[in-house]
Amino acid sequence: ATKPAFPKEGAFQQMFFGGLTSFLPAKTEVVAEMPAILPDRGDRKREELDFYVNSFYYYGIELMREGGSFKDHKERFLVPSKDSLNRSKYFTPLIKEFIIVDFRRHEFKAANKDEFKFDEHYSSCVLERAGKKLGKVEFV
């Protein structure tokens, strides 16, 4: 049997949404592809945040796949600056905390990170923090 291709970002978004909503209290609002609270940058186009978690959390969540630029993703949440066009795409007082989740096929060495390690067929993954197993997710 051939090994399946690494899932696309949309597949990770669906899995992440399912996992996130199963662990949060029922009254918590989780909005996918959220443009409404984000600032209009003057070009009549609003960016879309992967997930916004409302109620008393006020989290902004952005997903990455296979690396991307962590610095660029982080700058999107920071206070506006004239030095960077990418900076502040997602900045709003309505987001109190943010997290960037990077799904990778290969191990990535970085301090203070949580890791999702997939089996070879992407049918399950194990969540680890600092090398310690926190849980396992089986996909249908």
Protein backbone atom coordinates (compact mmCIF):
# COMPACT_ATOMS: atom_id res chain seq x y z
CA ALA A 1 0.00 0.00 0.00
CA THR A 2 1.25 3.46 -0.84
CA LYS A 3 1.63 6.01 1.90
CA PRO A 4 -1.04 8.73 1.63
CA ALA A 5 -0.09 12.35 0.93
CA PHE A 6 0.25 14.76 3.82
CA PRO A 7 -3.21 16.25 4.52
CA LYS A 8 -4.06 19.70 3.18
CA GLU A 9 -4.68 22.62 5.55
CA GLY A 10 -8.47 22.31 5.12
CA ALA A 11 -8.35 18.75 6.48
CA PHE A 12 -6.36 19.93 9.51
CA GLN A 13 -8.87 22.75 10.04
CA GLN A 14 -11.75 20.27 10.12
CA MET A 15 -9.94 17.92 12.52
CA PHE A 16 -8.83 20.81 14.72
CA PHE A 17 -12.36 22.26 14.84
CA GLY A 18 -13.79 18.89 15.89
CA GLY A 19 -11.19 18.41 18.60
CA LEU A 20 -11.46 21.98 19.87
CA THR A 21 -15.24 21.96 20.15
CA SER A 22 -15.26 18.57 21.89
CA PHE A 23 -13.09 19.91 24.75
CA LEU A 24 -14.61 23.37 25.28
CA PRO A 25 -17.75 24.10 27.33
CA ALA A 26 -20.94 23.88 25.24
CA LYS A 27 -21.66 27.63 25.49
CA THR A 28 -18.29 28.56 23.97
CA GLU A 29 -18.50 29.99 20.46
CA VAL A 30 -15.91 28.77 17.96
CA VAL A 31 -15.99 30.56 14.63
CA ALA A 32 -14.00 29.25 11.66
CA GLU A 33 -12.62 31.58 8.95
CA MET A 34 -13.54 34.65 11.00
CA PRO A 35 -13.26 37.98 9.10
CA ALA A 36 -15.89 40.11 10.87
CA ILE A 37 -13.86 41.20 13.93
CA LEU A 38 -10.69 41.89 11.98
CA PRO A 39 -9.71 45.41 10.94
CA ASP A 40 -10.38 46.80 7.48
CA ARG A 41 -6.89 47.67 6.25
CA GLY A 42 -8.18 50.17 3.71
CA ASP A 43 -8.18 47.80 0.75
CA ARG A 44 -11.81 46.66 1.22
CA LYS A 45 -10.52 43.19 2.01
CA ARG A 46 -10.48 41.59 5.45
CA GLU A 47 -8.19 38.72 6.31
CA GLU A 48 -9.72 35.52 7.67
CA LEU A 49 -8.49 34.13 10.96
CA ASP A 50 -8.62 30.30 11.01
CA PHE A 51 -10.50 30.23 14.34
CA TYR A 52 -11.86 32.72 16.85
CA VAL A 53 -12.92 31.38 20.25
CA ASN A 54 -15.36 33.78 21.91
CA SER A 55 -17.18 33.75 25.28
CA PHE A 56 -14.64 34.51 28.01
CA TYR A 57 -11.63 33.13 26.08
CA TYR A 58 -11.18 35.61 23.18
CA TYR A 59 -8.55 33.44 21.45
CA GLY A 60 -7.26 33.83 17.93
CA ILE A 61 -5.99 30.57 16.40
CA GLU A 62 -4.03 30.33 13.17
CA LEU A 63 -2.99 27.00 11.61
CA MET A 64 0.09 26.37 9.49
CA ARG A 65 1.03 23.32 7.48
CA GLU A 66 4.57 22.13 6.87
CA GLY A 67 6.29 25.16 8.29
CA GLY A 68 5.43 28.38 6.60
CA SER A 69 6.84 31.47 8.24
CA PHE A 70 6.16 31.47 11.97
CA LYS A 71 7.47 35.04 12.24
CA ASP A 72 5.02 36.26 9.57
CA HIS A 73 2.12 34.47 11.26
CA LYS A 74 3.04 35.89 14.67
CA GLU A 75 3.31 39.45 13.29
CA ARG A 76 -0.30 39.24 12.13
CA PHE A 77 -1.43 39.40 15.77
CA LEU A 78 0.87 42.25 16.89
CA VAL A 79 0.09 45.95 17.31
CA PRO A 80 0.14 47.79 13.94
CA SER A 81 3.47 49.12 12.68
CA LYS A 82 4.56 51.15 9.64
CA ASP A 83 7.61 48.86 9.36
CA SER A 84 5.69 45.77 8.26
CA LEU A 85 2.78 45.41 5.81
CA ASN A 86 2.06 41.90 7.12
CA ARG A 87 1.95 43.06 10.72
CA SER A 88 -1.43 43.47 12.43
CA LYS A 89 -3.65 41.66 9.89
CA TYR A 90 -5.37 40.02 12.86
CA PHE A 91 -4.77 42.68 15.50
CA THR A 92 -7.91 43.62 17.40
CA PRO A 93 -8.63 44.23 21.08
CA LEU A 94 -11.19 41.40 20.78
CA ILE A 95 -8.33 38.87 20.63
CA LYS A 96 -6.75 38.60 24.08
CA GLU A 97 -4.50 35.59 23.36
CA PHE A 98 -3.35 33.84 20.21
CA ILE A 99 -1.77 30.55 19.24
CA ILE A 100 -0.20 29.37 16.01
CA VAL A 101 -0.39 25.62 15.39
CA ASP A 102 2.07 24.19 12.88
CA PHE A 103 1.28 20.73 11.51
CA ARG A 104 4.40 19.06 10.11
CA ARG A 105 5.24 15.73 8.61
CA HIS A 106 8.75 15.72 10.10
CA GLU A 107 10.05 16.53 13.57
CA PHE A 108 10.93 20.16 14.21
CA LYS A 109 13.27 21.17 17.02
CA ALA A 110 12.00 24.18 18.95
CA ALA A 111 11.69 25.05 22.62
CA ASN A 112 8.30 25.34 24.30
CA LYS A 113 6.25 23.57 21.68
CA ASP A 114 3.50 21.02 21.57
CA GLU A 115 3.80 18.37 18.88
CA PHE A 116 1.21 16.35 17.00
CA LYS A 117 2.92 13.18 15.73
CA PHE A 118 0.96 11.34 13.05
CA ASP A 119 1.10 7.65 12.29
CA GLU A 120 2.26 6.72 8.77
CA HIS A 121 -1.30 6.64 7.34
CA TYR A 122 -2.48 9.87 9.11
CA SER A 123 -5.29 7.95 10.80
CA SER A 124 -4.25 9.01 14.31
CA CYS A 125 -1.87 11.36 16.07
CA VAL A 126 -0.27 11.66 19.49
CA LEU A 127 0.05 15.02 21.26
CA GLU A 128 3.34 15.50 23.09
CA ARG A 129 4.69 18.35 25.19
CA ALA A 130 8.42 18.33 25.91
CA GLY A 131 8.56 14.67 24.89
CA LYS A 132 5.74 13.63 27.26
CA LYS A 133 2.65 12.01 25.73
CA LEU A 134 -0.50 14.00 26.60
CA GLY A 135 -3.05 12.12 24.54
CA LYS A 136 -3.92 10.34 21.33
CA VAL A 137 -6.54 11.21 18.71
CA GLU A 138 -7.99 8.58 16.35
CA PHE A 139 -9.51 9.91 13.12
CA VAL A 140 -12.52 8.25 11.53
